[in-house]
Amino acid sequence: MTEILKKLLRNYYICYILLVASAFAGFYLARYFRVQDPAEVQTFTTIGIVLLLASIPYSFHYYKKCIEKLKAQSEEVQFKEIVKVVSIRLAIVVVPLMFNIVFFYLTANVSLIFAAGMSALVLLYIKPSEKIFTKDLADENDNITNEETTEEK
């Protein structure tokens, strides 16, 4: 489990590196290219907000759906698949965040930085930890027997 957690945390921190790189890219691009047409600014802002509003609920839905499927699998399969599931979940949140950061610099629209801030908060919320996975992957029958055992005490 610790090796898997190390991989997941590595992927999580790579996302932060990608976000910093997208901020640098946006800053660099803004020096040479600036979106000034109000219609284009509004279009990019709308796209950024729609991506935010679609990605956050979908990332939670995707994770829950995959975890439910993984509960029926053996522990080995669970540990192998959880890396893929969490990495995809991170990508679902990080790609719109990168879009919002880059286009904030290109359009200088404050709405995109607010959208990026909301995505960043979600990124903090979905940080992988061993406690979360053991709780999420625990079989419901195990939870029932654990509750019964604590009630008997």
N, C-alpha and C. Protein backbone atom coordinates (compact mmCIF):
# COMPACT_ATOMS: atom_id res chain seq x y z
N MET A 1 0.82 -1.20 0.00
CA MET A 1 0.00 0.00 0.00
C MET A 1 0.86 1.26 0.00
N THR A 2 1.99 1.22 0.67
CA THR A 2 2.82 2.43 0.73
C THR A 2 3.41 2.76 -0.64
N GLU A 3 3.75 1.73 -1.43
CA GLU A 3 4.27 2.00 -2.78
C GLU A 3 3.20 2.65 -3.64
N ILE A 4 1.99 2.18 -3.51
CA ILE A 4 0.88 2.74 -4.29
C ILE A 4 0.62 4.18 -3.85
N LEU A 5 0.65 4.40 -2.55
CA LEU A 5 0.44 5.76 -2.05
C LEU A 5 1.55 6.69 -2.52
N LYS A 6 2.78 6.20 -2.59
CA LYS A 6 3.88 7.01 -3.11
C LYS A 6 3.65 7.38 -4.56
N LYS A 7 3.17 6.42 -5.37
CA LYS A 7 2.87 6.71 -6.78
C LYS A 7 1.77 7.76 -6.89
N LEU A 8 0.75 7.59 -6.07
CA LEU A 8 -0.37 8.53 -6.13
C LEU A 8 0.04 9.93 -5.69
N LEU A 9 0.83 10.00 -4.65
CA LEU A 9 1.31 11.32 -4.21
C LEU A 9 2.25 11.93 -5.23
N ARG A 10 3.06 11.09 -5.88
CA ARG A 10 3.92 11.60 -6.95
C ARG A 10 3.07 12.21 -8.06
N ASN A 11 2.02 11.50 -8.48
CA ASN A 11 1.13 12.03 -9.51
C ASN A 11 0.45 13.31 -9.05
N TYR A 12 0.08 13.35 -7.79
CA TYR A 12 -0.57 14.53 -7.23
C TYR A 12 0.35 15.74 -7.29
N TYR A 13 1.60 15.56 -6.91
CA TYR A 13 2.54 16.68 -6.93
C TYR A 13 3.00 17.03 -8.35
N ILE A 14 2.97 16.08 -9.25
CA ILE A 14 3.23 16.39 -10.66
C ILE A 14 2.15 17.33 -11.18
N CYS A 15 0.92 17.14 -10.71
CA CYS A 15 -0.16 18.05 -11.11
C CYS A 15 0.16 19.48 -10.69
N TYR A 16 0.71 19.66 -9.51
CA TYR A 16 1.09 21.01 -9.08
C TYR A 16 2.21 21.57 -9.95
N ILE A 17 3.15 20.73 -10.34
CA ILE A 17 4.22 21.19 -11.24
C ILE A 17 3.63 21.61 -12.57
N LEU A 18 2.67 20.85 -13.07
CA LEU A 18 2.01 21.21 -14.33
C LEU A 18 1.25 22.53 -14.20
N LEU A 19 0.67 22.76 -13.06
CA LEU A 19 -0.05 24.02 -12.85
C LEU A 19 0.89 25.21 -12.82
N VAL A 20 2.03 25.05 -12.18
CA VAL A 20 3.02 26.13 -12.18
C VAL A 20 3.54 26.35 -13.60
N ALA A 21 3.77 25.25 -14.33
CA ALA A 21 4.23 25.38 -15.72
C ALA A 21 3.18 26.08 -16.58
N SER A 22 1.90 25.78 -16.35
CA SER A 22 0.86 26.46 -17.13
C SER A 22 0.78 27.94 -16.78
N ALA A 23 1.06 28.28 -15.52
CA ALA A 23 1.09 29.69 -15.15
C ALA A 23 2.24 30.42 -15.86
N PHE A 24 3.40 29.77 -15.90
CA PHE A 24 4.52 30.37 -16.63
C PHE A 24 4.21 30.48 -18.12
N ALA A 25 3.60 29.44 -18.67
CA ALA A 25 3.25 29.47 -20.10
C ALA A 25 2.24 30.58 -20.39
N GLY A 26 1.24 30.71 -19.52
CA GLY A 26 0.25 31.77 -19.70
C GLY A 26 0.87 33.15 -19.61
N PHE A 27 1.77 33.33 -18.64
CA PHE A 27 2.44 34.61 -18.48
C PHE A 27 3.30 34.93 -19.70
N TYR A 28 4.04 33.91 -20.18
CA TYR A 28 4.90 34.11 -21.34
C TYR A 28 4.07 34.41 -22.59
N LEU A 29 2.99 33.66 -22.80
CA LEU A 29 2.14 33.89 -23.97
C LEU A 29 1.48 35.26 -23.92
N ALA A 30 1.13 35.71 -22.72
CA ALA A 30 0.47 37.01 -22.58
C ALA A 30 1.37 38.17 -22.97
N ARG A 31 2.67 37.95 -22.92
CA ARG A 31 3.59 39.01 -23.34
C ARG A 31 3.53 39.25 -24.84
N TYR A 32 3.17 38.21 -25.61
CA TYR A 32 3.18 38.30 -27.07
C TYR A 32 1.79 38.23 -27.69
N PHE A 33 0.85 37.72 -26.95
CA PHE A 33 -0.49 37.52 -27.50
C PHE A 33 -1.51 37.86 -26.43
N ARG A 34 -2.43 38.72 -26.75
CA ARG A 34 -3.45 39.13 -25.79
C ARG A 34 -4.81 39.07 -26.49
N VAL A 35 -5.76 38.41 -25.88
CA VAL A 35 -7.13 38.38 -26.41
C VAL A 35 -7.81 39.67 -25.98
N GLN A 36 -8.17 40.50 -26.96
CA GLN A 36 -8.73 41.80 -26.63
C GLN A 36 -10.17 41.97 -27.10
N ASP A 37 -10.61 41.14 -28.01
CA ASP A 37 -11.98 41.23 -28.48
C ASP A 37 -12.92 40.79 -27.35
N PRO A 38 -13.85 41.64 -26.95
CA PRO A 38 -14.74 41.29 -25.83
C PRO A 38 -15.54 40.00 -26.06
N ALA A 39 -15.90 39.74 -27.29
CA ALA A 39 -16.65 38.51 -27.57
C ALA A 39 -15.77 37.28 -27.34
N GLU A 40 -14.52 37.36 -27.74
CA GLU A 40 -13.61 36.24 -27.52
C GLU A 40 -13.31 36.05 -26.04
N VAL A 41 -13.15 37.15 -25.33
CA VAL A 41 -12.91 37.07 -23.88
C VAL A 41 -14.11 36.39 -23.21
N GLN A 42 -15.31 36.80 -23.60
CA GLN A 42 -16.51 36.20 -23.03
C GLN A 42 -16.61 34.72 -23.37
N THR A 43 -16.23 34.35 -24.59
CA THR A 43 -16.27 32.95 -25.00
C THR A 43 -15.30 32.11 -24.18
N PHE A 44 -14.07 32.57 -24.02
CA PHE A 44 -13.09 31.82 -23.24
C PHE A 44 -13.48 31.75 -21.76
N THR A 45 -14.08 32.81 -21.25
CA THR A 45 -14.54 32.80 -19.86
C THR A 45 -15.66 31.78 -19.69
N THR A 46 -16.59 31.76 -20.62
CA THR A 46 -17.70 30.80 -20.56
C THR A 46 -17.18 29.37 -20.65
N ILE A 47 -16.24 29.13 -21.54
CA ILE A 47 -15.66 27.79 -21.68
C ILE A 47 -14.98 27.37 -20.38
N GLY A 48 -14.22 28.27 -19.78
CA GLY A 48 -13.53 27.97 -18.53
C GLY A 48 -14.48 27.64 -17.40
N ILE A 49 -15.57 28.41 -17.29
CA ILE A 49 -16.53 28.16 -16.22
C ILE A 49 -17.31 26.88 -16.47
N VAL A 50 -17.67 26.62 -17.72
CA VAL A 50 -18.38 25.37 -18.04
C VAL A 50 -17.48 24.17 -17.77
N LEU A 51 -16.21 24.27 -18.13
CA LEU A 51 -15.28 23.17 -17.83
C LEU A 51 -15.20 22.94 -16.33
N LEU A 52 -15.14 24.01 -15.56
CA LEU A 52 -15.10 23.89 -14.10
C LEU A 52 -16.36 23.21 -13.59
N LEU A 53 -17.51 23.70 -14.03
CA LEU A 53 -18.78 23.17 -13.53
C LEU A 53 -19.03 21.73 -13.97
N ALA A 54 -18.43 21.32 -15.07
CA ALA A 54 -18.59 19.94 -15.52
C ALA A 54 -17.57 19.01 -14.89
N SER A 55 -16.36 19.50 -14.69
CA SER A 55 -15.29 18.60 -14.25
C SER A 55 -15.38 18.21 -12.78
N ILE A 56 -15.76 19.12 -11.94
CA ILE A 56 -15.76 18.82 -10.50
C ILE A 56 -16.79 17.75 -10.15
N PRO A 57 -18.07 17.91 -10.52
CA PRO A 57 -19.01 16.83 -10.18
C PRO A 57 -18.67 15.51 -10.89
N TYR A 58 -18.19 15.62 -12.14
CA TYR A 58 -17.86 14.38 -12.85
C TYR A 58 -16.69 13.66 -12.19
N SER A 59 -15.72 14.39 -11.67
CA SER A 59 -14.59 13.71 -11.03
C SER A 59 -15.04 12.92 -9.81
N PHE A 60 -15.96 13.47 -9.04
CA PHE A 60 -16.50 12.74 -7.89
C PHE A 60 -17.36 11.56 -8.32
N HIS A 61 -18.16 11.77 -9.35
CA HIS A 61 -19.00 10.67 -9.87
C HIS A 61 -18.14 9.53 -10.42
N TYR A 62 -17.14 9.89 -11.19
CA TYR A 62 -16.24 8.88 -11.78
C TYR A 62 -15.55 8.07 -10.68
N TYR A 63 -15.04 8.75 -9.67
CA TYR A 63 -14.34 8.09 -8.58
C TYR A 63 -15.28 7.14 -7.84
N LYS A 64 -16.47 7.62 -7.52
CA LYS A 64 -17.43 6.78 -6.78
C LYS A 64 -17.82 5.55 -7.60
N LYS A 65 -18.06 5.75 -8.90
CA LYS A 65 -18.45 4.64 -9.76
C LYS A 65 -17.33 3.60 -9.85
N CYS A 66 -16.10 4.05 -10.00
CA CYS A 66 -14.97 3.12 -10.11
C CYS A 66 -14.69 2.41 -8.79
N ILE A 67 -14.84 3.11 -7.68
CA ILE A 67 -14.62 2.50 -6.37
C ILE A 67 -15.66 1.41 -6.12
N GLU A 68 -16.90 1.65 -6.53
CA GLU A 68 -17.94 0.63 -6.36
C GLU A 68 -17.60 -0.62 -7.16
N LYS A 69 -17.06 -0.46 -8.36
CA LYS A 69 -16.64 -1.61 -9.16
C LYS A 69 -15.45 -2.32 -8.52
N LEU A 70 -14.54 -1.55 -7.96
CA LEU A 70 -13.33 -2.13 -7.37
C LEU A 70 -13.60 -2.90 -6.08
N LYS A 71 -14.67 -2.58 -5.39
CA LYS A 71 -14.97 -3.27 -4.14
C LYS A 71 -15.18 -4.77 -4.35
N ALA A 72 -15.66 -5.14 -5.52
CA ALA A 72 -15.91 -6.56 -5.80
C ALA A 72 -14.64 -7.30 -6.22
N GLN A 73 -13.57 -6.58 -6.48
CA GLN A 73 -12.32 -7.18 -6.95
C GLN A 73 -11.45 -7.63 -5.77
N SER A 74 -10.43 -8.41 -6.11
CA SER A 74 -9.47 -8.83 -5.09
C SER A 74 -8.61 -7.64 -4.68
N GLU A 75 -7.91 -7.78 -3.57
CA GLU A 75 -7.11 -6.68 -3.05
C GLU A 75 -5.99 -6.30 -4.00
N GLU A 76 -5.39 -7.28 -4.67
CA GLU A 76 -4.31 -6.98 -5.64
C GLU A 76 -4.82 -6.13 -6.79
N VAL A 77 -5.97 -6.52 -7.32
CA VAL A 77 -6.55 -5.77 -8.44
C VAL A 77 -6.94 -4.37 -7.98
N GLN A 78 -7.47 -4.28 -6.77
CA GLN A 78 -7.84 -2.96 -6.24
C GLN A 78 -6.65 -2.03 -6.19
N PHE A 79 -5.52 -2.53 -5.68
CA PHE A 79 -4.35 -1.67 -5.55
C PHE A 79 -3.78 -1.28 -6.90
N LYS A 80 -3.87 -2.16 -7.90
CA LYS A 80 -3.38 -1.81 -9.23
C LYS A 80 -4.29 -0.79 -9.90
N GLU A 81 -5.58 -0.98 -9.76
CA GLU A 81 -6.53 -0.12 -10.45
C GLU A 81 -6.71 1.25 -9.78
N ILE A 82 -6.48 1.31 -8.49
CA ILE A 82 -6.70 2.58 -7.79
C ILE A 82 -5.74 3.66 -8.29
N VAL A 83 -4.55 3.26 -8.71
CA VAL A 83 -3.59 4.25 -9.24
C VAL A 83 -4.16 4.88 -10.52
N LYS A 84 -4.73 4.04 -11.38
CA LYS A 84 -5.31 4.55 -12.62
C LYS A 84 -6.53 5.43 -12.34
N VAL A 85 -7.39 4.99 -11.44
CA VAL A 85 -8.60 5.73 -11.13
C VAL A 85 -8.28 7.11 -10.55
N VAL A 86 -7.36 7.15 -9.60
CA VAL A 86 -7.02 8.42 -8.97
C VAL A 86 -6.30 9.34 -9.95
N SER A 87 -5.45 8.77 -10.81
CA SER A 87 -4.74 9.59 -11.80
C SER A 87 -5.72 10.22 -12.79
N ILE A 88 -6.71 9.46 -13.21
CA ILE A 88 -7.72 10.00 -14.12
C ILE A 88 -8.55 11.07 -13.41
N ARG A 89 -8.86 10.83 -12.15
CA ARG A 89 -9.60 11.82 -11.37
C ARG A 89 -8.82 13.12 -11.25
N LEU A 90 -7.52 13.01 -11.01
CA LEU A 90 -6.68 14.21 -10.95
C LEU A 90 -6.67 14.94 -12.29
N ALA A 91 -6.57 14.18 -13.38
CA ALA A 91 -6.56 14.80 -14.71
C ALA A 91 -7.87 15.52 -15.00
N ILE A 92 -8.98 14.93 -14.55
CA ILE A 92 -10.28 15.56 -14.78
C ILE A 92 -10.35 16.93 -14.10
N VAL A 93 -9.70 17.07 -12.97
CA VAL A 93 -9.72 18.35 -12.25
C VAL A 93 -8.63 19.30 -12.76
N VAL A 94 -7.46 18.76 -13.11
CA VAL A 94 -6.31 19.60 -13.43
C VAL A 94 -6.41 20.22 -14.83
N VAL A 95 -6.95 19.52 -15.80
CA VAL A 95 -6.99 20.06 -17.16
C VAL A 95 -7.81 21.36 -17.23
N PRO A 96 -9.03 21.41 -16.68
CA PRO A 96 -9.74 22.70 -16.69
C PRO A 96 -9.02 23.77 -15.87
N LEU A 97 -8.35 23.36 -14.80
CA LEU A 97 -7.59 24.31 -14.00
C LEU A 97 -6.46 24.93 -14.82
N MET A 98 -5.76 24.11 -15.57
CA MET A 98 -4.69 24.62 -16.44
C MET A 98 -5.26 25.56 -17.50
N PHE A 99 -6.39 25.18 -18.09
CA PHE A 99 -7.05 26.03 -19.08
C PHE A 99 -7.38 27.39 -18.48
N ASN A 100 -7.97 27.39 -17.28
CA ASN A 100 -8.36 28.64 -16.65
C ASN A 100 -7.16 29.51 -16.30
N ILE A 101 -6.07 28.89 -15.89
CA ILE A 101 -4.87 29.67 -15.57
C ILE A 101 -4.29 30.32 -16.82
N VAL A 102 -4.12 29.54 -17.88
CA VAL A 102 -3.54 30.07 -19.11
C VAL A 102 -4.42 31.18 -19.68
N PHE A 103 -5.72 30.95 -19.74
CA PHE A 103 -6.58 31.96 -20.34
C PHE A 103 -6.85 33.14 -19.42
N PHE A 104 -6.59 33.00 -18.13
CA PHE A 104 -6.63 34.17 -17.26
C PHE A 104 -5.55 35.15 -17.71
N TYR A 105 -4.35 34.64 -17.97
CA TYR A 105 -3.27 35.52 -18.42
C TYR A 105 -3.56 36.11 -19.80
N LEU A 106 -4.16 35.30 -20.68
CA LEU A 106 -4.40 35.78 -22.04
C LEU A 106 -5.55 36.78 -22.13
N THR A 107 -6.54 36.64 -21.25
CA THR A 107 -7.70 37.52 -21.34
C THR A 107 -7.75 38.57 -20.23
N ALA A 108 -7.00 38.37 -19.16
CA ALA A 108 -7.01 39.26 -18.00
C ALA A 108 -8.40 39.38 -17.41
N ASN A 109 -9.17 38.29 -17.47
CA ASN A 109 -10.52 38.26 -16.93
C ASN A 109 -10.48 37.62 -15.54
N VAL A 110 -10.98 38.32 -14.56
CA VAL A 110 -10.91 37.87 -13.17
C VAL A 110 -11.77 36.63 -12.93
N SER A 111 -12.81 36.43 -13.70
CA SER A 111 -13.68 35.25 -13.52
C SER A 111 -12.89 33.96 -13.68
N LEU A 112 -11.91 33.96 -14.56
CA LEU A 112 -11.13 32.74 -14.78
C LEU A 112 -10.22 32.44 -13.60
N ILE A 113 -9.72 33.45 -12.93
CA ILE A 113 -8.88 33.19 -11.76
C ILE A 113 -9.74 32.68 -10.60
N PHE A 114 -10.99 33.14 -10.50
CA PHE A 114 -11.89 32.60 -9.49
C PHE A 114 -12.21 31.13 -9.79
N ALA A 115 -12.43 30.82 -11.07
CA ALA A 115 -12.69 29.43 -11.46
C ALA A 115 -11.47 28.57 -11.16
N ALA A 116 -10.28 29.09 -11.42
CA ALA A 116 -9.06 28.35 -11.12
C ALA A 116 -8.92 28.14 -9.61
N GLY A 117 -9.28 29.14 -8.84
CA GLY A 117 -9.23 29.01 -7.39
C GLY A 117 -10.16 27.93 -6.86
N MET A 118 -11.36 27.85 -7.43
CA MET A 118 -12.30 26.80 -7.02
C MET A 118 -11.76 25.42 -7.37
N SER A 119 -11.17 25.28 -8.55
CA SER A 119 -10.58 24.00 -8.93
C SER A 119 -9.40 23.65 -8.03
N ALA A 120 -8.63 24.65 -7.65
CA ALA A 120 -7.50 24.40 -6.76
C ALA A 120 -7.97 23.91 -5.39
N LEU A 121 -9.08 24.43 -4.91
CA LEU A 121 -9.64 23.94 -3.65
C LEU A 121 -10.07 22.48 -3.77
N VAL A 122 -10.65 22.12 -4.88
CA VAL A 122 -11.03 20.72 -5.10
C VAL A 122 -9.79 19.85 -5.18
N LEU A 123 -8.75 20.36 -5.80
CA LEU A 123 -7.50 19.60 -5.88
C LEU A 123 -6.94 19.34 -4.49
N LEU A 124 -7.06 20.28 -3.59
CA LEU A 124 -6.64 20.06 -2.21
C LEU A 124 -7.52 19.00 -1.53
N TYR A 125 -8.79 19.00 -1.86
CA TYR A 125 -9.73 18.07 -1.24
C TYR A 125 -9.50 16.62 -1.68
N ILE A 126 -9.04 16.41 -2.91
CA ILE A 126 -8.90 15.04 -3.42
C ILE A 126 -7.48 14.50 -3.28
N LYS A 127 -6.70 15.09 -2.39
CA LYS A 127 -5.33 14.60 -2.17
C LYS A 127 -5.38 13.14 -1.70
N PRO A 128 -4.61 12.27 -2.34
CA PRO A 128 -4.64 10.86 -1.96
C PRO A 128 -4.03 10.63 -0.57
N SER A 129 -4.67 9.76 0.20
CA SER A 129 -4.12 9.35 1.49
C SER A 129 -4.55 7.91 1.76
N GLU A 130 -3.76 7.22 2.54
CA GLU A 130 -4.02 5.81 2.83
C GLU A 130 -5.34 5.64 3.57
N LYS A 131 -5.63 6.53 4.46
CA LYS A 131 -6.86 6.46 5.25
C LYS A 131 -8.10 6.52 4.36
N ILE A 132 -8.05 7.39 3.36
CA ILE A 132 -9.19 7.55 2.46
C ILE A 132 -9.41 6.27 1.66
N PHE A 133 -8.33 5.68 1.14
CA PHE A 133 -8.49 4.49 0.31
C PHE A 133 -8.96 3.29 1.10
N THR A 134 -8.45 3.12 2.30
CA THR A 134 -8.90 1.98 3.09
C THR A 134 -10.37 2.15 3.46
N LYS A 135 -10.78 3.39 3.69
CA LYS A 135 -12.20 3.64 3.98
C LYS A 135 -13.06 3.44 2.74
N ASP A 136 -12.61 3.95 1.60
CA ASP A 136 -13.39 3.85 0.37
C ASP A 136 -13.47 2.42 -0.15
N LEU A 137 -12.37 1.69 -0.05
CA LEU A 137 -12.33 0.33 -0.59
C LEU A 137 -12.82 -0.73 0.39
N ALA A 138 -13.13 -0.32 1.62
CA ALA A 138 -13.61 -1.29 2.60
C ALA A 138 -14.94 -1.87 2.13
N ASP A 139 -15.07 -3.15 2.29
CA ASP A 139 -16.30 -3.83 1.91
C ASP A 139 -17.40 -3.44 2.89
N GLU A 140 -18.62 -3.29 2.39
CA GLU A 140 -19.72 -2.89 3.26
C GLU A 140 -19.98 -3.94 4.35
N ASN A 141 -19.75 -5.22 4.04
CA ASN A 141 -19.93 -6.27 5.05
C ASN A 141 -18.94 -6.09 6.18
N ASP A 142 -17.71 -5.66 5.86
CA ASP A 142 -16.72 -5.40 6.89
C ASP A 142 -17.17 -4.25 7.79
N ASN A 143 -17.77 -3.25 7.19
CA ASN A 143 -18.25 -2.11 7.98
C ASN A 143 -19.36 -2.54 8.93
N ILE A 144 -20.25 -3.42 8.47
CA ILE A 144 -21.35 -3.88 9.31
C ILE A 144 -20.81 -4.69 10.49
N THR A 145 -19.86 -5.59 10.22
CA THR A 145 -19.31 -6.40 11.32
C THR A 145 -18.49 -5.53 12.27
N ASN A 146 -17.80 -4.53 11.77
CA ASN A 146 -17.07 -3.62 12.65
C ASN A 146 -18.02 -2.82 13.54
N GLU A 147 -19.15 -2.39 12.99
CA GLU A 147 -20.12 -1.66 13.78
C GLU A 147 -20.74 -2.56 14.85
N GLU A 148 -21.04 -3.82 14.48
CA GLU A 148 -21.60 -4.76 15.43
C GLU A 148 -20.63 -5.04 16.57
N THR A 149 -19.35 -5.17 16.22
CA THR A 149 -18.33 -5.45 17.23
C THR A 149 -18.20 -4.29 18.21
N THR A 150 -18.24 -3.07 17.71
CA THR A 150 -18.14 -1.90 18.60
C THR A 150 -19.38 -1.76 19.46
N GLU A 151 -20.56 -2.13 18.93
CA GLU A 151 -21.78 -2.06 19.72
C GLU A 151 -21.77 -3.08 20.84
N GLU A 152 -21.20 -4.27 20.59
CA GLU A 152 -21.16 -5.32 21.60
C GLU A 152 -20.25 -4.93 22.76
N LYS A 153 -19.21 -4.17 22.47
CA LYS A 153 -18.27 -3.76 23.52
C LYS A 153 -18.95 -2.77 24.40
